[in-house]
Protein backbone atom coordinates (compact mmCIF):
# COMPACT_ATOMS: atom_id res chain seq x y z
CA MET A 1 0.24 -0.02 0.04
CA ALA A 2 2.96 2.28 0.91
CA ASP A 3 4.18 1.71 -2.93
CA SER A 4 0.76 3.21 -4.27
CA THR A 5 0.13 6.08 -2.59
CA LYS A 6 1.32 9.58 -4.03
CA THR A 7 3.55 11.96 -1.96
CA ARG A 8 1.46 14.79 -1.77
CA PRO A 9 3.30 18.36 -2.40
CA VAL A 10 4.37 20.73 -0.11
CA TYR A 11 3.48 24.18 -0.22
CA THR A 12 6.38 26.37 1.41
CA ASN A 13 6.26 30.09 1.06
CA ILE A 14 8.80 32.05 -1.05
CA HIS A 15 11.96 33.58 0.14
CA VAL A 16 13.06 37.01 -1.18
CA THR A 17 15.86 35.60 -2.98
CA GLN A 18 13.36 33.57 -5.11
CA ILE A 19 11.45 36.33 -5.49
CA VAL A 20 13.16 36.93 -9.57
CA GLY A 21 12.38 33.77 -10.40
CA TYR A 22 8.62 33.39 -9.02
CA ARG A 23 6.36 33.54 -12.16
CA LEU A 24 2.99 35.06 -11.24
CA PRO A 25 -0.27 34.39 -13.23
CA PRO A 26 -2.20 37.14 -14.92
CA ALA A 27 -4.35 37.37 -11.83
CA GLY A 28 -2.19 37.72 -9.02
CA ILE A 29 0.00 40.94 -12.01
CA VAL A 30 -3.08 42.59 -12.15
CA SER A 31 -4.56 42.15 -8.23
CA ILE A 32 -0.66 44.10 -7.66
CA LEU A 33 -0.71 46.93 -10.50
CA HIS A 34 -4.28 47.33 -9.08
CA ARG A 35 -3.02 48.18 -5.57
CA VAL A 36 0.41 50.13 -6.98
CA SER A 37 -1.88 52.09 -9.27
CA GLY A 38 -4.42 53.01 -6.21
CA VAL A 39 -0.97 54.01 -4.48
CA LEU A 40 0.29 55.63 -7.22
CA MET A 41 -3.14 57.87 -8.20
CA PHE A 42 -3.12 58.58 -4.72
CA LEU A 43 0.31 60.21 -4.14
CA LEU A 44 0.06 62.34 -7.39
CA LEU A 45 -3.07 63.59 -6.09
CA PRO A 46 -2.16 67.02 -5.15
CA PHE A 47 -0.13 67.28 -9.10
CA VAL A 48 -3.53 66.18 -10.07
CA VAL A 49 -5.69 69.35 -7.82
CA TRP A 50 -2.81 71.70 -9.58
CA MET A 51 -3.91 70.86 -13.02
CA LEU A 52 -7.44 71.16 -12.45
CA ASP A 53 -6.73 74.30 -11.22
CA ALA A 54 -4.67 75.61 -13.76
CA SER A 55 -6.81 74.71 -16.85
CA LEU A 56 -9.95 75.49 -15.49
CA SER A 57 -9.00 79.13 -13.16
CA SER A 58 -8.76 81.31 -15.64
CA GLU A 59 -7.78 80.98 -19.49
CA ILE A 60 -4.34 82.71 -19.00
CA SER A 61 -3.55 79.40 -16.40
CA TYR A 62 -5.24 77.63 -18.98
CA ASP A 63 -2.60 78.65 -21.57
CA ALA A 64 0.29 78.84 -18.51
CA PHE A 65 -1.04 75.02 -17.68
CA THR A 66 -0.29 73.87 -21.20
CA ASN A 67 2.93 75.70 -21.38
CA VAL A 68 4.21 73.78 -18.84
CA PHE A 69 4.09 70.85 -21.18
CA VAL A 70 5.91 72.32 -23.75
CA ALA A 71 8.57 74.36 -22.11
CA GLY A 72 8.78 72.84 -17.86
CA VAL A 73 8.79 74.19 -15.18
CA ALA A 74 10.18 74.55 -11.76
CA GLY A 75 13.83 72.82 -13.62
CA LEU A 76 12.05 69.88 -14.63
CA PRO A 77 11.02 69.39 -18.13
CA ALA A 78 8.16 69.11 -20.46
CA TRP A 79 9.18 65.69 -21.31
CA PHE A 80 9.25 64.17 -17.66
CA LEU A 81 6.11 65.88 -16.32
CA LYS A 82 4.76 64.33 -19.81
CA LEU A 83 6.05 61.39 -18.62
CA VAL A 84 4.31 61.97 -14.97
CA VAL A 85 1.31 62.12 -16.71
CA LEU A 86 1.86 59.64 -18.78
CA GLY A 87 2.21 57.31 -15.67
CA LEU A 88 -1.49 59.27 -13.96
CA LEU A 89 -2.99 57.89 -17.18
CA TRP A 90 -1.98 54.75 -16.84
CA GLY A 91 -2.14 54.17 -13.01
CA TYR A 92 -6.08 55.54 -13.36
CA LEU A 93 -7.37 53.89 -16.53
CA HIS A 94 -5.81 50.28 -15.42
CA HIS A 95 -7.27 51.07 -11.78
CA PHE A 96 -10.43 51.98 -13.43
CA ILE A 97 -10.19 48.30 -16.07
CA ALA A 98 -9.36 46.47 -12.97
CA GLY A 99 -11.71 48.21 -10.83
CA VAL A 100 -14.52 47.00 -13.09
CA ARG A 101 -13.11 43.69 -13.79
CA HIS A 102 -14.38 42.77 -9.72
CA LEU A 103 -16.85 44.17 -9.87
CA TRP A 104 -18.14 41.85 -12.91
CA MET A 105 -16.56 38.47 -10.99
CA ASP A 106 -18.49 39.96 -8.11
CA ALA A 107 -21.93 40.18 -9.50
CA THR A 108 -22.07 37.27 -12.14
CA HIS A 109 -20.04 34.79 -9.41
CA SER A 110 -17.95 34.08 -12.46
CA VAL A 111 -14.36 32.78 -10.01
CA SER A 112 -13.27 29.83 -12.19
CA LYS A 113 -9.46 29.43 -12.92
CA ALA A 114 -9.87 30.12 -16.56
CA GLN A 115 -12.08 33.15 -16.43
CA GLY A 116 -9.81 34.85 -13.99
CA HIS A 117 -7.32 34.35 -16.20
CA ASN A 118 -8.87 35.79 -19.40
CA SER A 119 -10.23 38.51 -17.52
CA ALA A 120 -6.69 39.70 -15.90
CA VAL A 121 -5.22 39.56 -20.09
CA ILE A 122 -8.27 41.37 -21.58
CA THR A 123 -7.51 44.24 -17.74
CA LEU A 124 -3.75 44.12 -18.90
CA VAL A 125 -4.10 44.82 -22.35
CA LEU A 126 -6.64 47.34 -22.39
CA SER A 127 -4.90 48.94 -19.75
CA ILE A 128 -1.61 49.66 -21.56
CA GLY A 129 -3.17 49.85 -25.14
CA LEU A 130 -5.35 52.42 -24.11
CA THR A 131 -2.26 54.15 -22.87
CA LEU A 132 -0.23 53.63 -25.15
CA VAL A 133 -3.11 55.31 -27.58
CA LEU A 134 -3.56 58.27 -25.08
CA GLY A 135 0.49 58.91 -24.67
CA ALA A 136 0.79 59.53 -28.37
CA LYS A 137 -1.76 61.65 -28.34
CA LEU A 138 0.14 63.28 -24.64
CA PHE A 139 3.54 63.73 -26.90
CA GLY A 140 2.02 64.68 -29.62
CA LEU A 141 2.48 61.79 -32.41
CA TYR A 142 -1.71 62.59 -34.03
């Protein structure tokens, strides 16, 4: 009887040195990026408030606001500010799409492994694709 019994796998926590080689499933990547995007949006909230205030106060402040993305401000080059805005765009888009994914899974009780994998891949593709499209507009490619 001992020969026919299979040994069950033992699952242990991974060590810090194993993180580089560990391969997360897409759902795990989306989960981590959802948290990262939330922190990014929170940390950049003062920048968003400044952008909103500068763009809506008056025509003169709007011109100064748009000029920041051409000439830079306070020693920061325009390309750097555009990268910050691009990161903010990605953070918002990813957080929104991943949030809709979770709401959809909660509403439909769709929690199978295959559905989680597919919806995670769709979330990643949509958030990166939309970020690239809006980034191309931000950097003046169209």
